[in-house]
N, C-alpha and C. Protein backbone atom coordinates (compact mmCIF):
# COMPACT_ATOMS: atom_id res chain seq x y z
N UNK A 1 79.03 123.14 47.98
CA UNK A 1 79.79 122.51 49.20
C UNK A 1 79.29 121.33 49.82
N UNK A 2 77.94 121.21 49.35
CA UNK A 2 77.13 120.29 49.55
C UNK A 2 77.42 118.72 49.33
N UNK A 3 77.96 118.37 48.42
CA UNK A 3 78.57 117.37 47.92
C UNK A 3 79.89 117.51 47.68
N UNK A 4 80.22 118.04 48.49
CA UNK A 4 81.89 118.55 48.16
C UNK A 4 82.91 117.21 49.57
N UNK A 5 83.32 116.32 49.63
CA UNK A 5 83.96 115.54 50.77
C UNK A 5 85.75 115.72 50.63
N UNK A 6 86.01 116.08 52.01
CA UNK A 6 87.36 115.66 52.28
C UNK A 6 87.70 115.56 52.99
N UNK A 7 88.96 114.68 52.93
CA UNK A 7 89.52 113.13 53.13
C UNK A 7 90.58 113.69 54.09
N UNK A 8 91.01 113.62 55.41
CA UNK A 8 92.35 113.38 55.86
C UNK A 8 93.01 113.03 57.47
N UNK A 9 93.74 112.87 57.46
CA UNK A 9 94.03 112.29 58.59
C UNK A 9 94.31 114.01 59.50
N UNK A 10 94.83 114.95 59.34
CA UNK A 10 94.97 115.87 59.46
C UNK A 10 93.54 117.32 59.80
N UNK A 11 93.32 117.32 60.86
CA UNK A 11 91.24 118.13 60.79
C UNK A 11 91.81 119.74 60.14
N UNK A 12 93.14 119.93 60.46
CA UNK A 12 93.35 121.53 59.75
C UNK A 12 93.33 121.33 58.35
N UNK A 13 93.50 120.19 58.21
CA UNK A 13 93.78 120.61 56.66
C UNK A 13 92.23 120.79 55.85
N UNK A 14 91.20 120.32 56.76
CA UNK A 14 89.96 121.19 56.24
C UNK A 14 89.06 122.49 57.24
N UNK A 15 89.69 122.49 58.51
CA UNK A 15 89.28 122.96 59.09
C UNK A 15 88.62 124.49 58.80
N UNK A 16 88.89 125.07 57.62
CA UNK A 16 87.89 126.07 57.13
C UNK A 16 86.97 125.60 56.41
N UNK A 17 86.82 123.87 56.81
CA UNK A 17 85.43 124.05 55.35
C UNK A 17 85.41 122.14 56.48
N UNK A 18 84.92 122.34 57.79
CA UNK A 18 84.89 120.77 58.95
C UNK A 18 83.52 120.18 58.48
N UNK A 19 82.44 120.94 58.21
CA UNK A 19 81.23 120.76 57.42
C UNK A 19 81.47 119.49 56.90
N UNK A 20 82.83 119.95 55.67
CA UNK A 20 83.18 118.82 55.05
C UNK A 20 83.72 117.70 54.74
N UNK A 21 84.66 117.87 56.17
CA UNK A 21 85.98 117.11 56.91
C UNK A 21 85.45 115.80 57.10
N UNK A 22 85.98 114.61 56.53
CA UNK A 22 85.83 113.30 57.55
C UNK A 22 86.82 112.81 58.03
N UNK A 23 87.44 112.95 59.05
CA UNK A 23 88.84 112.36 59.54
C UNK A 23 89.19 111.26 59.50
N UNK A 24 90.80 110.74 59.00
CA UNK A 24 90.76 109.16 58.84
C UNK A 24 92.28 108.67 60.04
N UNK A 25 92.15 107.91 60.43
CA UNK A 25 94.00 107.42 60.95
C UNK A 25 94.71 107.52 59.56
N UNK A 26 95.99 108.28 60.24
CA UNK A 26 97.03 107.72 59.34
C UNK A 26 97.61 106.91 58.90
N UNK A 27 97.64 106.35 57.72
CA UNK A 27 98.30 105.27 57.03
C UNK A 27 99.70 105.18 56.96
N UNK A 28 100.75 103.96 58.28
CA UNK A 28 101.74 104.15 58.51
C UNK A 28 102.65 102.48 57.99
N UNK A 29 102.03 102.26 56.66
CA UNK A 29 102.56 100.60 56.06
C UNK A 29 101.78 99.70 57.06
N UNK A 30 100.66 100.23 57.32
CA UNK A 30 100.01 98.80 58.60
C UNK A 30 99.21 98.05 57.88
N UNK A 31 99.63 96.78 57.37
CA UNK A 31 98.66 95.96 56.84
C UNK A 31 97.25 95.69 57.14
N UNK A 32 97.17 95.51 58.97
CA UNK A 32 96.08 95.37 59.12
C UNK A 32 95.42 96.73 58.85
N UNK A 33 95.49 97.34 58.49
CA UNK A 33 94.75 99.10 58.72
C UNK A 33 93.31 98.93 57.53
N UNK A 34 92.11 99.44 58.30
CA UNK A 34 90.83 98.82 57.95
C UNK A 34 90.20 100.13 57.35
N UNK A 35 90.40 101.33 57.68
CA UNK A 35 90.20 102.62 57.71
C UNK A 35 89.20 102.62 56.37
N UNK A 36 89.86 102.57 55.80
CA UNK A 36 88.83 102.79 54.39
C UNK A 36 87.67 102.05 53.67
N UNK A 37 87.80 100.66 54.67
CA UNK A 37 87.00 99.77 54.51
C UNK A 37 85.46 100.83 55.11
N UNK A 38 85.81 101.00 56.73
CA UNK A 38 85.47 102.14 57.58
C UNK A 38 84.35 103.51 56.35
N UNK A 39 84.86 103.80 55.53
CA UNK A 39 85.23 105.35 54.97
C UNK A 39 84.25 104.63 53.67
N UNK A 40 85.04 103.91 53.12
CA UNK A 40 83.47 103.18 51.77
C UNK A 40 82.06 103.29 52.26
N UNK A 41 81.84 102.07 53.15
CA UNK A 41 80.62 102.34 54.16
C UNK A 41 80.29 103.44 54.34
N UNK A 42 81.40 104.52 55.36
CA UNK A 42 80.41 106.01 55.30
C UNK A 42 79.65 106.40 54.18
N UNK A 43 80.66 106.36 52.89
CA UNK A 43 80.43 107.27 51.51
C UNK A 43 78.98 106.52 51.17
N UNK A 44 78.90 104.92 51.15
CA UNK A 44 77.80 104.26 50.79
C UNK A 44 76.62 104.29 51.36
N UNK A 45 76.35 104.91 52.87
CA UNK A 45 75.47 104.47 53.07
C UNK A 45 75.29 106.30 53.11
N UNK A 46 76.00 107.15 52.77
CA UNK A 46 74.97 108.42 52.63
C UNK A 46 75.19 108.88 51.10
N UNK A 47 75.45 108.38 50.24
CA UNK A 47 75.67 108.89 48.74
C UNK A 47 74.47 109.66 48.30
N UNK A 48 73.12 109.30 48.44
CA UNK A 48 71.77 110.25 48.08
C UNK A 48 71.60 110.81 49.36
N UNK A 49 72.45 111.11 50.17
CA UNK A 49 72.20 112.36 50.95
C UNK A 49 71.99 113.58 50.22
N UNK A 50 71.49 114.70 50.14
CA UNK A 50 71.06 115.77 49.27
C UNK A 50 72.38 116.76 49.95
N UNK A 51 72.63 116.59 50.83
CA UNK A 51 73.38 117.76 51.43
C UNK A 51 74.08 116.99 52.81
N UNK A 52 75.66 116.30 52.29
CA UNK A 52 76.43 115.44 52.77
C UNK A 52 77.11 116.03 54.03
N UNK A 53 77.05 117.13 54.36
CA UNK A 53 77.66 117.44 55.36
C UNK A 53 76.58 118.00 56.37
N UNK A 54 75.10 117.12 56.15
CA UNK A 54 74.23 116.85 57.30
C UNK A 54 74.92 115.44 58.08
N UNK A 55 74.89 113.92 57.48
CA UNK A 55 75.74 113.08 58.19
C UNK A 55 77.23 113.44 58.04
N UNK A 56 77.84 113.95 58.02
CA UNK A 56 79.36 114.34 58.30
C UNK A 56 79.13 114.75 59.46
N UNK A 57 78.24 115.81 60.05
CA UNK A 57 77.97 116.57 61.57
C UNK A 57 77.63 115.29 62.46
N UNK A 58 76.88 114.99 62.06
CA UNK A 58 76.13 113.77 62.56
C UNK A 58 76.70 112.61 63.17
N UNK A 59 78.04 112.17 62.12
CA UNK A 59 79.45 111.78 62.50
C UNK A 59 80.60 112.15 63.21
N UNK A 60 80.69 113.01 63.00
CA UNK A 60 82.26 113.19 63.42
C UNK A 60 82.31 114.41 64.32
N UNK A 61 81.39 115.28 64.40
CA UNK A 61 81.05 116.32 65.31
C UNK A 61 82.01 117.34 65.32
N UNK A 62 82.94 117.65 64.20
CA UNK A 62 83.79 118.29 64.14
C UNK A 62 83.47 120.04 64.10
N UNK A 63 82.52 120.46 64.52
CA UNK A 63 82.26 121.28 64.75
C UNK A 63 82.84 122.33 66.13
N UNK A 64 82.42 121.35 67.15
CA UNK A 64 82.68 121.09 68.43
C UNK A 64 84.03 121.54 68.89
N UNK A 65 85.31 121.07 67.59
CA UNK A 65 86.55 121.41 67.96
C UNK A 65 86.95 123.08 68.15
N UNK A 66 87.80 122.97 69.43
CA UNK A 66 88.04 124.80 69.67
C UNK A 66 89.18 124.93 68.08
N UNK A 67 89.68 126.38 67.82
CA UNK A 67 89.92 126.71 66.77
C UNK A 67 91.69 125.84 66.99
N UNK A 68 92.28 126.03 68.40
CA UNK A 68 93.80 124.83 68.50
C UNK A 68 93.28 124.16 67.82
N UNK A 69 92.03 123.69 68.22
CA UNK A 69 92.70 121.90 67.69
C UNK A 69 92.20 121.98 65.81
N UNK A 70 91.55 122.58 65.95
CA UNK A 70 91.59 122.71 64.35
C UNK A 70 92.67 123.25 63.39
N UNK A 71 93.52 123.69 63.95
CA UNK A 71 95.16 124.42 63.31
C UNK A 71 96.28 123.64 63.96
N UNK A 72 96.55 122.60 64.07
CA UNK A 72 97.47 122.19 65.26
C UNK A 72 98.45 121.63 64.27
N UNK A 73 98.84 122.93 63.81
CA UNK A 73 100.30 122.55 62.97
C UNK A 73 101.51 122.04 63.61
N UNK A 74 101.90 122.20 64.36
CA UNK A 74 102.94 122.01 65.77
C UNK A 74 102.58 120.37 65.41
N UNK A 75 101.80 119.70 65.88
CA UNK A 75 101.99 118.46 66.05
C UNK A 75 101.76 118.14 64.30
N UNK A 76 101.54 118.52 63.79
CA UNK A 76 101.48 117.83 61.92
C UNK A 76 103.37 117.95 62.07
N UNK A 77 103.54 118.98 62.05
CA UNK A 77 105.19 118.88 61.77
C UNK A 77 106.09 118.30 62.40
N UNK A 78 105.34 117.71 63.65
CA UNK A 78 106.66 117.00 64.39
C UNK A 78 105.98 115.42 64.24
N UNK A 79 104.89 115.24 64.21
CA UNK A 79 104.06 113.73 63.57
C UNK A 79 104.95 113.49 62.16
N UNK A 80 104.99 113.96 60.98
CA UNK A 80 105.54 113.84 59.61
C UNK A 80 107.13 114.24 59.49
N UNK A 81 107.56 113.65 59.33
CA UNK A 81 109.59 114.02 59.33
C UNK A 81 109.76 114.15 58.13
N UNK A 82 109.94 115.03 57.59
CA UNK A 82 110.15 115.35 55.69
C UNK A 82 110.98 113.87 55.65
N UNK A 83 111.94 113.67 55.83
CA UNK A 83 113.06 112.58 55.22
C UNK A 83 111.98 111.15 55.57
N UNK A 84 111.63 110.65 56.80
CA UNK A 84 110.56 109.87 56.56
C UNK A 84 109.70 110.27 55.11
N UNK A 85 109.23 111.27 55.20
CA UNK A 85 108.21 111.09 53.83
C UNK A 85 108.90 110.95 52.63
N UNK A 86 109.98 111.23 52.45
CA UNK A 86 110.56 111.32 51.22
C UNK A 86 110.89 109.70 50.62
N UNK A 87 111.14 109.14 52.21
CA UNK A 87 111.75 107.69 52.24
C UNK A 87 109.84 107.35 51.48
N UNK A 88 109.34 107.23 51.69
CA UNK A 88 107.41 106.83 52.21
C UNK A 88 107.57 106.97 50.45
N UNK A 89 107.45 108.09 50.34
CA UNK A 89 107.35 107.76 48.69
C UNK A 89 108.33 107.17 48.17
N UNK A 90 109.52 107.17 48.13
CA UNK A 90 110.50 106.72 47.18
C UNK A 90 109.77 105.15 47.03
N UNK A 91 109.71 104.32 48.06
CA UNK A 91 108.66 103.07 48.22
C UNK A 91 107.95 103.36 47.41
N UNK A 92 106.77 104.10 47.47
CA UNK A 92 105.30 103.78 46.80
C UNK A 92 105.98 103.85 45.27
N UNK A 93 107.23 104.82 44.92
CA UNK A 93 106.91 104.70 43.57
C UNK A 93 108.39 103.82 42.90
N UNK A 94 108.39 102.91 43.66
CA UNK A 94 108.92 101.72 43.21
C UNK A 94 108.64 100.99 43.24
N UNK A 95 107.28 101.31 44.11
CA UNK A 95 106.47 100.09 44.27
C UNK A 95 105.48 99.43 42.77
N UNK A 96 105.15 101.26 42.86
CA UNK A 96 104.49 101.38 41.40
C UNK A 96 104.65 100.95 40.26
N UNK A 97 106.57 101.27 40.14
CA UNK A 97 107.27 100.65 39.14
C UNK A 97 107.29 99.20 38.95
N UNK A 98 107.45 98.58 39.95
CA UNK A 98 106.86 97.07 39.98
C UNK A 98 106.10 96.62 39.57
N UNK A 99 104.65 97.19 39.38
CA UNK A 99 103.69 96.87 39.87
C UNK A 99 103.13 97.01 38.53
N UNK A 100 103.63 97.97 37.58
CA UNK A 100 104.21 98.66 36.11
C UNK A 100 104.70 97.53 35.71
N UNK A 101 105.06 96.63 35.89
CA UNK A 101 106.83 96.12 34.94
C UNK A 101 105.99 94.94 34.88
N UNK A 102 104.95 94.18 36.25
CA UNK A 102 104.39 93.06 35.87
C UNK A 102 103.29 92.91 35.27
N UNK A 103 103.10 94.19 34.87
CA UNK A 103 101.10 93.52 33.93
C UNK A 103 102.05 93.31 32.46
């Protein structure tokens, strides 16, 4: 586990392995989103860490979350509308098909 990194916008997704989790803000077609740049910098800065869990703990302090904050499924369900997710997936599929066609 010392080399494992879990990245997600929902902390409960890695609630059982908080020491390996890196929270990230949700992406919702925001062209100004630079969250992955921050993630990349963090990973590059810590690429030589013997145990990646140490810099993750130092940066994010997720071990301080209460159990209800770690596993807040209701807010996840409220945030993600199934129909909206399916529409976004269709848009992604269309975009990928267009990109492949242009090659």
